[in-house]
């Protein structure tokens, strides 16, 4: 339970960083979410509960930064690869 609460807090912070004005911060937050999705399949429920999936899609389709779009696309691919 403690791990889940901390994961939820982490996801919430990262999701909020996807909306930052700095494109590097948005890209790094997307990369971190992608790494968590790929390496922590037990946390996928928290990933969905924080709306990270929707925010990554929004970043991929609406962001002006090509780098942020690329990284968010890879994060979504990692999420889709979950069992």
C-alpha atoms as a PDB file:
ATOM      1  CA  UNK A   1       0.000   0.000   0.000  1.00  0.00           C
ATOM      2  CA  UNK A   2       2.813   2.439   0.841  1.00  0.00           C
ATOM      3  CA  UNK A   3       4.438   1.803  -2.534  1.00  0.00           C
ATOM      4  CA  UNK A   4       1.156   2.480  -4.309  1.00  0.00           C
ATOM      5  CA  UNK A   5       0.601   5.765  -2.457  1.00  0.00           C
ATOM      6  CA  UNK A   6       4.116   6.946  -3.244  1.00  0.00           C
ATOM      7  CA  UNK A   7       3.774   5.872  -6.869  1.00  0.00           C
ATOM      8  CA  UNK A   8       0.522   7.803  -7.109  1.00  0.00           C
ATOM      9  CA  UNK A   9       2.256  10.890  -5.700  1.00  0.00           C
ATOM     10  CA  UNK A  10       5.124  10.486  -8.156  1.00  0.00           C
ATOM     11  CA  UNK A  11       2.800  10.054 -11.119  1.00  0.00           C
ATOM     12  CA  UNK A  12       0.824  13.124 -10.038  1.00  0.00           C
ATOM     13  CA  UNK A  13       3.992  15.218  -9.908  1.00  0.00           C
ATOM     14  CA  UNK A  14       5.162  13.966 -13.302  1.00  0.00           C
ATOM     15  CA  UNK A  15       1.753  14.534 -14.897  1.00  0.00           C
ATOM     16  CA  UNK A  16       1.792  18.105 -13.618  1.00  0.00           C
ATOM     17  CA  UNK A  17       5.271  18.571 -15.091  1.00  0.00           C
ATOM     18  CA  UNK A  18       3.902  17.581 -18.512  1.00  0.00           C
ATOM     19  CA  UNK A  19       2.200  21.003 -18.465  1.00  0.00           C
ATOM     20  CA  UNK A  20       5.329  22.987 -17.558  1.00  0.00           C
ATOM     21  CA  UNK A  21       6.289  25.955 -19.747  1.00  0.00           C
ATOM     22  CA  UNK A  22       9.812  24.552 -20.275  1.00  0.00           C
ATOM     23  CA  UNK A  23       9.938  22.010 -23.096  1.00  0.00           C
ATOM     24  CA  UNK A  24      12.880  20.139 -21.520  1.00  0.00           C
ATOM     25  CA  UNK A  25      10.901  19.636 -18.335  1.00  0.00           C
ATOM     26  CA  UNK A  26       7.892  18.383 -20.318  1.00  0.00           C
ATOM     27  CA  UNK A  27      10.124  16.018 -22.301  1.00  0.00           C
ATOM     28  CA  UNK A  28      11.891  14.707 -19.210  1.00  0.00           C
ATOM     29  CA  UNK A  29       8.598  14.143 -17.390  1.00  0.00           C
ATOM     30  CA  UNK A  30       7.283  12.208 -20.397  1.00  0.00           C
ATOM     31  CA  UNK A  31      10.485  10.143 -20.506  1.00  0.00           C
ATOM     32  CA  UNK A  32      10.200   9.346 -16.797  1.00  0.00           C
ATOM     33  CA  UNK A  33       6.583   8.262 -17.235  1.00  0.00           C
ATOM     34  CA  UNK A  34       7.595   6.103 -20.193  1.00  0.00           C
ATOM     35  CA  UNK A  35      10.347   4.450 -18.171  1.00  0.00           C
ATOM     36  CA  UNK A  36       7.977   3.766 -15.303  1.00  0.00           C
ATOM     37  CA  UNK A  37       5.412   2.304 -17.686  1.00  0.00           C
ATOM     38  CA  UNK A  38       8.018   0.039 -19.247  1.00  0.00           C
ATOM     39  CA  UNK A  39       9.758  -1.072 -16.064  1.00  0.00           C
ATOM     40  CA  UNK A  40       6.961  -1.104 -13.495  1.00  0.00           C
ATOM     41  CA  UNK A  41       3.936  -3.002 -14.818  1.00  0.00           C
ATOM     42  CA  UNK A  42       2.581  -3.349 -11.272  1.00  0.00           C
ATOM     43  CA  UNK A  43       2.035   0.408 -11.208  1.00  0.00           C
ATOM     44  CA  UNK A  44      -0.063   0.666 -14.373  1.00  0.00           C
ATOM     45  CA  UNK A  45      -3.262   1.239 -12.365  1.00  0.00           C
ATOM     46  CA  UNK A  46      -1.734   4.349 -10.777  1.00  0.00           C
ATOM     47  CA  UNK A  47      -0.541   5.451 -14.206  1.00  0.00           C
ATOM     48  CA  UNK A  48      -4.129   5.410 -15.455  1.00  0.00           C
ATOM     49  CA  UNK A  49      -5.635   6.852 -12.250  1.00  0.00           C
ATOM     50  CA  UNK A  50      -3.522  10.006 -12.529  1.00  0.00           C
ATOM     51  CA  UNK A  51      -4.557  10.608 -16.124  1.00  0.00           C
ATOM     52  CA  UNK A  52      -0.973  10.234 -17.310  1.00  0.00           C
ATOM     53  CA  UNK A  53      -2.140   8.430 -20.428  1.00  0.00           C
ATOM     54  CA  UNK A  54      -4.401  11.332 -21.450  1.00  0.00           C
ATOM     55  CA  UNK A  55      -1.757  13.927 -20.698  1.00  0.00           C
ATOM     56  CA  UNK A  56       0.819  12.043 -22.773  1.00  0.00           C
ATOM     57  CA  UNK A  57      -1.592  11.878 -25.712  1.00  0.00           C
ATOM     58  CA  UNK A  58      -2.261  15.590 -25.312  1.00  0.00           C
ATOM     59  CA  UNK A  59       1.480  16.311 -25.272  1.00  0.00           C
ATOM     60  CA  UNK A  60       2.002  14.107 -28.323  1.00  0.00           C
ATOM     61  CA  UNK A  61      -0.731  15.776 -30.353  1.00  0.00           C
ATOM     62  CA  UNK A  62      -0.777  19.389 -29.110  1.00  0.00           C
ATOM     63  CA  UNK A  63       2.718  20.357 -27.991  1.00  0.00           C
ATOM     64  CA  UNK A  64       4.755  22.748 -30.137  1.00  0.00           C
ATOM     65  CA  UNK A  65       8.011  20.992 -29.247  1.00  0.00           C
ATOM     66  CA  UNK A  66       9.027  18.180 -31.589  1.00  0.00           C
ATOM     67  CA  UNK A  67      11.204  16.689 -28.818  1.00  0.00           C
ATOM     68  CA  UNK A  68       8.280  16.580 -26.384  1.00  0.00           C
ATOM     69  CA  UNK A  69       6.104  14.974 -29.060  1.00  0.00           C
ATOM     70  CA  UNK A  70       8.712  12.286 -29.771  1.00  0.00           C
ATOM     71  CA  UNK A  71       9.307  11.439 -26.123  1.00  0.00           C
ATOM     72  CA  UNK A  72       5.607  11.333 -25.291  1.00  0.00           C
ATOM     73  CA  UNK A  73       5.037   9.043 -28.277  1.00  0.00           C
ATOM     74  CA  UNK A  74       7.670   6.623 -26.956  1.00  0.00           C
ATOM     75  CA  UNK A  75       6.103   6.784 -23.483  1.00  0.00           C
ATOM     76  CA  UNK A  76       2.716   5.850 -24.963  1.00  0.00           C
ATOM     77  CA  UNK A  77       4.315   2.963 -26.857  1.00  0.00           C
ATOM     78  CA  UNK A  78       5.791   1.731 -23.561  1.00  0.00           C
ATOM     79  CA  UNK A  79       2.366   1.947 -21.955  1.00  0.00           C
ATOM     80  CA  UNK A  80       0.805  -0.031 -24.815  1.00  0.00           C
ATOM     81  CA  UNK A  81       3.398  -2.776 -24.361  1.00  0.00           C
ATOM     82  CA  UNK A  82       2.166  -3.503 -20.830  1.00  0.00           C
ATOM     83  CA  UNK A  83       0.677  -6.970 -20.356  1.00  0.00           C
END
